[in-house]
Amino acid sequence: MEKPLPENSRRQFLGSLGAALAAFSIPASLAAAQAATDASGNPIPKKTISNPYIYKFSIGKFEAWSISDGYGTFKQGVTKKMWPPEQRAEMTKALVALGERPDDMTLYVNILLLRKDKEVILVDAGFGPHKNATWGWLADAMDTIGIDFKDVTHALLSHSHIAHIGGLASGGKILFPNAAVHVLKEEVDF
């Protein structure tokens, strides 16, 4: 797994994303390329995932998909990284009692995609296109389902951790050019 991002990267990402979105006046069409690129502008090759972990179901009249965007393992999860530090011993005990490892924690990122008629709603955007083979599966899953990035009309962001907002842009380009992005005021203020 790649080195975790520093805490201020969330603010930097939001600031950069905000500047990019402001330049295009959301929710107007943003006319961006869907091709995934890294920060240097180099193309990120399509992943070859034999099972993109797509689960289809219905919510009333909505078609719904739970999509795995991948996973990452954090070494020394509870012992060094969980907050508040004074509760780490209690967290370790609880995890061990459940048969879980407190030293290495695996984070699974799941995304909800909804469709009703011409409305396509993405709930969180995942990590985004990534060279790491265990992250950034959303594009492949959407390709499997048959929904293009330009088909997404709304992106709802639960909060601004990179595993939820990283997939909105790649290489400085907006990936969902026709989506109105909805985020809580508290996240923008942060």
C-alpha atoms as a PDB file:
ATOM      1  CA  MET A   1       0.000   0.000   0.000  1.00  0.00           C
ATOM      2  CA  GLU A   2       1.199   3.475  -0.756  1.00  0.00           C
ATOM      3  CA  LYS A   3       2.213   5.875   1.977  1.00  0.00           C
ATOM      4  CA  PRO A   4      -0.886   7.459   3.590  1.00  0.00           C
ATOM      5  CA  LEU A   5      -1.567  11.066   2.666  1.00  0.00           C
ATOM      6  CA  PRO A   6      -0.724  13.701   5.283  1.00  0.00           C
ATOM      7  CA  GLU A   7      -3.710  15.169   7.147  1.00  0.00           C
ATOM      8  CA  ASN A   8      -3.524  18.510   5.376  1.00  0.00           C
ATOM      9  CA  SER A   9      -3.887  16.755   1.998  1.00  0.00           C
ATOM     10  CA  ARG A  10      -7.661  16.695   2.557  1.00  0.00           C
ATOM     11  CA  ARG A  11      -7.705  20.487   2.739  1.00  0.00           C
ATOM     12  CA  GLN A  12      -5.354  20.793  -0.211  1.00  0.00           C
ATOM     13  CA  PHE A  13      -7.523  18.432  -2.278  1.00  0.00           C
ATOM     14  CA  LEU A  14     -10.720  20.288  -1.358  1.00  0.00           C
ATOM     15  CA  GLY A  15      -9.093  23.610  -2.182  1.00  0.00           C
ATOM     16  CA  SER A  16      -7.881  22.344  -5.556  1.00  0.00           C
ATOM     17  CA  LEU A  17     -11.222  20.697  -6.310  1.00  0.00           C
ATOM     18  CA  GLY A  18     -13.075  23.845  -5.277  1.00  0.00           C
ATOM     19  CA  ALA A  19     -10.929  25.958  -7.578  1.00  0.00           C
ATOM     20  CA  ALA A  20     -11.469  23.532 -10.461  1.00  0.00           C
ATOM     21  CA  LEU A  21     -15.238  23.415  -9.907  1.00  0.00           C
ATOM     22  CA  ALA A  22     -15.486  27.183  -9.521  1.00  0.00           C
ATOM     23  CA  ALA A  23     -13.768  27.620 -12.864  1.00  0.00           C
ATOM     24  CA  PHE A  24     -16.548  25.622 -14.515  1.00  0.00           C
ATOM     25  CA  SER A  25     -19.606  26.920 -12.563  1.00  0.00           C
ATOM     26  CA  ILE A  26     -21.376  23.751 -11.332  1.00  0.00           C
ATOM     27  CA  PRO A  27     -23.808  22.236 -12.258  1.00  0.00           C
ATOM     28  CA  ALA A  28     -23.210  23.284 -15.855  1.00  0.00           C
ATOM     29  CA  SER A  29     -21.647  20.746 -18.143  1.00  0.00           C
ATOM     30  CA  LEU A  30     -17.926  20.656 -17.469  1.00  0.00           C
ATOM     31  CA  ALA A  31     -16.743  19.088 -20.762  1.00  0.00           C
ATOM     32  CA  ALA A  32     -13.809  17.151 -19.322  1.00  0.00           C
ATOM     33  CA  ALA A  33     -12.028  14.113 -20.652  1.00  0.00           C
ATOM     34  CA  GLN A  34     -12.865  10.852 -18.918  1.00  0.00           C
ATOM     35  CA  ALA A  35      -9.362   9.462 -19.467  1.00  0.00           C
ATOM     36  CA  ALA A  36      -7.649   8.801 -16.150  1.00  0.00           C
ATOM     37  CA  THR A  37      -4.260  10.409 -15.623  1.00  0.00           C
ATOM     38  CA  ASP A  38      -1.879  10.687 -12.703  1.00  0.00           C
ATOM     39  CA  ALA A  39      -0.676  13.991 -11.257  1.00  0.00           C
ATOM     40  CA  SER A  40       1.994  14.206 -13.982  1.00  0.00           C
ATOM     41  CA  GLY A  41      -0.584  13.753 -16.748  1.00  0.00           C
ATOM     42  CA  ASN A  42       0.484  10.203 -17.594  1.00  0.00           C
ATOM     43  CA  PRO A  43      -2.355   7.797 -18.481  1.00  0.00           C
ATOM     44  CA  ILE A  44      -3.333   5.291 -15.818  1.00  0.00           C
ATOM     45  CA  PRO A  45      -3.993   1.956 -17.531  1.00  0.00           C
ATOM     46  CA  LYS A  46      -7.361   0.289 -17.105  1.00  0.00           C
ATOM     47  CA  LYS A  47      -7.302  -2.251 -14.302  1.00  0.00           C
ATOM     48  CA  THR A  48      -7.843  -5.914 -15.008  1.00  0.00           C
ATOM     49  CA  ILE A  49     -10.128  -6.938 -12.188  1.00  0.00           C
ATOM     50  CA  SER A  50     -11.818 -10.270 -12.696  1.00  0.00           C
ATOM     51  CA  ASN A  51     -14.616  -9.402 -10.253  1.00  0.00           C
ATOM     52  CA  PRO A  52     -15.206  -5.699  -9.639  1.00  0.00           C
ATOM     53  CA  TYR A  53     -17.498  -6.574  -6.721  1.00  0.00           C
ATOM     54  CA  ILE A  54     -20.755  -5.186  -8.049  1.00  0.00           C
ATOM     55  CA  TYR A  55     -23.976  -6.004  -6.229  1.00  0.00           C
ATOM     56  CA  LYS A  56     -27.190  -4.953  -8.003  1.00  0.00           C
ATOM     57  CA  PHE A  57     -30.461  -4.420  -6.124  1.00  0.00           C
ATOM     58  CA  SER A  58     -33.492  -2.091  -6.098  1.00  0.00           C
ATOM     59  CA  ILE A  59     -34.591   0.726  -3.836  1.00  0.00           C
ATOM     60  CA  GLY A  60     -38.203   1.382  -4.756  1.00  0.00           C
ATOM     61  CA  LYS A  61     -38.148   2.515  -8.400  1.00  0.00           C
ATOM     62  CA  PHE A  62     -34.373   3.050  -8.380  1.00  0.00           C
ATOM     63  CA  GLU A  63     -31.878   0.593  -9.831  1.00  0.00           C
ATOM     64  CA  ALA A  64     -29.036   0.432  -7.333  1.00  0.00           C
ATOM     65  CA  TRP A  65     -25.505  -0.930  -7.303  1.00  0.00           C
ATOM     66  CA  SER A  66     -23.131  -1.308  -4.409  1.00  0.00           C
ATOM     67  CA  ILE A  67     -19.677  -1.078  -5.951  1.00  0.00           C
ATOM     68  CA  SER A  68     -16.367  -1.833  -4.299  1.00  0.00           C
ATOM     69  CA  ASP A  69     -13.741   0.777  -5.138  1.00  0.00           C
ATOM     70  CA  GLY A  70     -11.086  -1.400  -3.522  1.00  0.00           C
ATOM     71  CA  TYR A  71      -9.339  -1.759  -0.219  1.00  0.00           C
ATOM     72  CA  GLY A  72      -6.229  -0.769   1.660  1.00  0.00           C
ATOM     73  CA  THR A  73      -4.496  -2.190   4.706  1.00  0.00           C
ATOM     74  CA  PHE A  74      -3.137   0.145   7.332  1.00  0.00           C
ATOM     75  CA  LYS A  75      -0.241  -1.297   9.299  1.00  0.00           C
ATOM     76  CA  GLN A  76      -0.341  -0.627  13.034  1.00  0.00           C
ATOM     77  CA  GLY A  77      -3.969   0.430  12.585  1.00  0.00           C
ATOM     78  CA  VAL A  78      -5.211   0.691  16.146  1.00  0.00           C
ATOM     79  CA  THR A  79      -1.835   0.616  17.868  1.00  0.00           C
ATOM     80  CA  LYS A  80      -0.559   3.781  16.148  1.00  0.00           C
ATOM     81  CA  LYS A  81      -3.267   5.454  14.060  1.00  0.00           C
ATOM     82  CA  MET A  82      -6.722   5.330  15.663  1.00  0.00           C
ATOM     83  CA  TRP A  83      -8.016   8.293  17.626  1.00  0.00           C
ATOM     84  CA  PRO A  84      -8.383   9.146  20.403  1.00  0.00           C
ATOM     85  CA  PRO A  85      -5.054   7.608  21.478  1.00  0.00           C
ATOM     86  CA  GLU A  86      -6.204   7.110  25.057  1.00  0.00           C
ATOM     87  CA  GLN A  87      -8.826   4.612  23.827  1.00  0.00           C
ATOM     88  CA  ARG A  88      -6.456   2.460  21.739  1.00  0.00           C
ATOM     89  CA  ALA A  89      -6.136  -0.220  24.434  1.00  0.00           C
ATOM     90  CA  GLU A  90      -9.942  -0.492  24.637  1.00  0.00           C
ATOM     91  CA  MET A  91     -10.239  -0.611  20.823  1.00  0.00           C
ATOM     92  CA  THR A  92      -7.564  -3.307  20.636  1.00  0.00           C
ATOM     93  CA  LYS A  93      -9.361  -5.423  23.229  1.00  0.00           C
ATOM     94  CA  ALA A  94     -12.699  -5.063  21.391  1.00  0.00           C
ATOM     95  CA  LEU A  95     -11.187  -6.054  18.024  1.00  0.00           C
ATOM     96  CA  VAL A  96      -9.397  -9.079  19.474  1.00  0.00           C
ATOM     97  CA  ALA A  97     -12.648 -10.180  21.154  1.00  0.00           C
ATOM     98  CA  LEU A  98     -14.294 -10.130  17.703  1.00  0.00           C
ATOM     99  CA  GLY A  99     -11.461 -12.121  16.137  1.00  0.00           C
ATOM    100  CA  GLU A 100     -10.069  -9.106  14.265  1.00  0.00           C
ATOM    101  CA  ARG A 101      -6.434  -8.016  14.052  1.00  0.00           C
ATOM    102  CA  PRO A 102      -5.713  -4.694  15.756  1.00  0.00           C
ATOM    103  CA  ASP A 103      -2.272  -4.287  14.153  1.00  0.00           C
ATOM    104  CA  ASP A 104      -3.263  -4.362  10.483  1.00  0.00           C
ATOM    105  CA  MET A 105      -6.640  -2.853   9.606  1.00  0.00           C
ATOM    106  CA  THR A 106      -8.206  -3.247   6.187  1.00  0.00           C
ATOM    107  CA  LEU A 107     -10.401  -0.431   4.905  1.00  0.00           C
ATOM    108  CA  TYR A 108     -12.987  -1.383   2.279  1.00  0.00           C
ATOM    109  CA  VAL A 109     -14.401   1.428   0.174  1.00  0.00           C
ATOM    110  CA  ASN A 110     -17.914   0.945  -1.197  1.00  0.00           C
ATOM    111  CA  ILE A 111     -19.835   3.297  -3.436  1.00  0.00           C
ATOM    112  CA  LEU A 112     -23.566   3.479  -4.059  1.00  0.00           C
ATOM    113  CA  LEU A 113     -24.753   4.164  -7.613  1.00  0.00           C
ATOM    114  CA  LEU A 114     -28.452   4.836  -8.277  1.00  0.00           C
ATOM    115  CA  ARG A 115     -30.384   5.211 -11.525  1.00  0.00           C
ATOM    116  CA  LYS A 116     -34.010   6.183 -12.185  1.00  0.00           C
ATOM    117  CA  ASP A 117     -34.879   7.152 -15.721  1.00  0.00           C
ATOM    118  CA  LYS A 118     -32.223   9.672 -16.842  1.00  0.00           C
ATOM    119  CA  GLU A 119     -31.064  10.540 -13.328  1.00  0.00           C
ATOM    120  CA  VAL A 120     -27.871   8.800 -12.209  1.00  0.00           C
ATOM    121  CA  ILE A 121     -26.710   9.489  -8.664  1.00  0.00           C
ATOM    122  CA  LEU A 122     -23.270   8.602  -7.348  1.00  0.00           C
ATOM    123  CA  VAL A 123     -22.928   8.499  -3.557  1.00  0.00           C
ATOM    124  CA  ASP A 124     -19.220   9.125  -2.917  1.00  0.00           C
ATOM    125  CA  ALA A 125     -16.593   8.861  -5.641  1.00  0.00           C
ATOM    126  CA  GLY A 126     -14.003   6.538  -4.120  1.00  0.00           C
ATOM    127  CA  PHE A 127     -10.244   6.896  -4.451  1.00  0.00           C
ATOM    128  CA  GLY A 128     -10.372   7.647  -8.157  1.00  0.00           C
ATOM    129  CA  PRO A 129      -8.140   6.241 -10.871  1.00  0.00           C
ATOM    130  CA  HIS A 130      -5.003   4.974  -9.208  1.00  0.00           C
ATOM    131  CA  LYS A 131      -1.859   3.050 -10.087  1.00  0.00           C
ATOM    132  CA  ASN A 132      -2.329   0.942  -6.939  1.00  0.00           C
ATOM    133  CA  ALA A 133      -4.093  -2.248  -8.098  1.00  0.00           C
ATOM    134  CA  THR A 134      -6.199  -2.496  -4.923  1.00  0.00           C
ATOM    135  CA  TRP A 135      -7.827   0.966  -5.312  1.00  0.00           C
ATOM    136  CA  GLY A 136      -9.803   2.814  -7.933  1.00  0.00           C
ATOM    137  CA  TRP A 137     -12.123   0.124  -9.275  1.00  0.00           C
ATOM    138  CA  LEU A 138     -15.152   2.399  -9.816  1.00  0.00           C
ATOM    139  CA  ALA A 139     -14.457   3.166 -13.492  1.00  0.00           C
ATOM    140  CA  ASP A 140     -14.175  -0.525 -14.373  1.00  0.00           C
ATOM    141  CA  ALA A 141     -17.351  -1.321 -12.446  1.00  0.00           C
ATOM    142  CA  MET A 142     -19.284   1.476 -14.170  1.00  0.00           C
ATOM    143  CA  ASP A 143     -18.019   0.195 -17.514  1.00  0.00           C
ATOM    144  CA  THR A 144     -19.285  -3.298 -16.595  1.00  0.00           C
ATOM    145  CA  ILE A 145     -22.703  -1.861 -15.644  1.00  0.00           C
ATOM    146  CA  GLY A 146     -22.841   0.264 -18.806  1.00  0.00           C
ATOM    147  CA  ILE A 147     -22.973   3.702 -17.188  1.00  0.00           C
ATOM    148  CA  ASP A 148     -20.521   6.318 -18.460  1.00  0.00           C
ATOM    149  CA  PHE A 149     -19.044   9.045 -16.263  1.00  0.00           C
ATOM    150  CA  LYS A 150     -20.883  11.652 -18.355  1.00  0.00           C
ATOM    151  CA  ASP A 151     -24.212   9.934 -17.486  1.00  0.00           C
ATOM    152  CA  VAL A 152     -23.898  10.824 -13.785  1.00  0.00           C
ATOM    153  CA  THR A 153     -26.217  13.739 -12.985  1.00  0.00           C
ATOM    154  CA  HIS A 154     -25.536  14.081  -9.241  1.00  0.00           C
ATOM    155  CA  ALA A 155     -22.613  13.248  -6.967  1.00  0.00           C
ATOM    156  CA  LEU A 156     -23.470  13.184  -3.255  1.00  0.00           C
ATOM    157  CA  LEU A 157     -20.441  13.322  -0.970  1.00  0.00           C
ATOM    158  CA  SER A 158     -20.849  11.929   2.539  1.00  0.00           C
ATOM    159  CA  HIS A 159     -17.618  13.539   3.757  1.00  0.00           C
ATOM    160  CA  SER A 160     -14.292  14.708   2.421  1.00  0.00           C
ATOM    161  CA  HIS A 161     -11.845  11.903   3.114  1.00  0.00           C
ATOM    162  CA  ILE A 162      -9.799  11.013   0.038  1.00  0.00           C
ATOM    163  CA  ALA A 163     -11.490   7.585  -0.221  1.00  0.00           C
ATOM    164  CA  HIS A 164     -14.778   9.432  -0.827  1.00  0.00           C
ATOM    165  CA  ILE A 165     -13.795  12.447  -2.951  1.00  0.00           C
ATOM    166  CA  GLY A 166     -10.619  11.333  -4.753  1.00  0.00           C
ATOM    167  CA  GLY A 167     -12.632   9.974  -7.662  1.00  0.00           C
ATOM    168  CA  LEU A 168     -14.149  13.340  -8.615  1.00  0.00           C
ATOM    169  CA  ALA A 169     -11.061  14.380 -10.550  1.00  0.00           C
ATOM    170  CA  SER A 170      -7.973  12.841 -12.126  1.00  0.00           C
ATOM    171  CA  GLY A 171      -4.888  14.625 -13.375  1.00  0.00           C
ATOM    172  CA  GLY A 172      -6.569  17.981 -12.761  1.00  0.00           C
ATOM    173  CA  LYS A 173      -9.664  17.070 -14.813  1.00  0.00           C
ATOM    174  CA  ILE A 174     -13.233  16.646 -13.583  1.00  0.00           C
ATOM    175  CA  LEU A 175     -14.349  13.038 -14.188  1.00  0.00           C
ATOM    176  CA  PHE A 176     -18.132  13.535 -13.950  1.00  0.00           C
ATOM    177  CA  PRO A 177     -18.664  16.499 -16.294  1.00  0.00           C
ATOM    178  CA  ASN A 178     -22.470  16.601 -16.067  1.00  0.00           C
ATOM    179  CA  ALA A 179     -22.867  15.991 -12.334  1.00  0.00           C
ATOM    180  CA  ALA A 180     -24.045  18.529  -9.813  1.00  0.00           C
ATOM    181  CA  VAL A 181     -21.823  17.929  -6.777  1.00  0.00           C
ATOM    182  CA  HIS A 182     -23.586  18.028  -3.395  1.00  0.00           C
ATOM    183  CA  VAL A 183     -21.503  18.395  -0.241  1.00  0.00           C
ATOM    184  CA  LEU A 184     -22.330  19.433   3.307  1.00  0.00           C
ATOM    185  CA  LYS A 185     -21.562  23.048   4.210  1.00  0.00           C
ATOM    186  CA  GLU A 186     -19.502  21.824   7.170  1.00  0.00           C
ATOM    187  CA  GLU A 187     -17.174  19.969   4.798  1.00  0.00           C
ATOM    188  CA  VAL A 188     -16.725  23.045   2.600  1.00  0.00           C
ATOM    189  CA  ASP A 189     -16.072  25.190   5.686  1.00  0.00           C
ATOM    190  CA  PHE A 190     -13.408  22.725   6.870  1.00  0.00           C
END
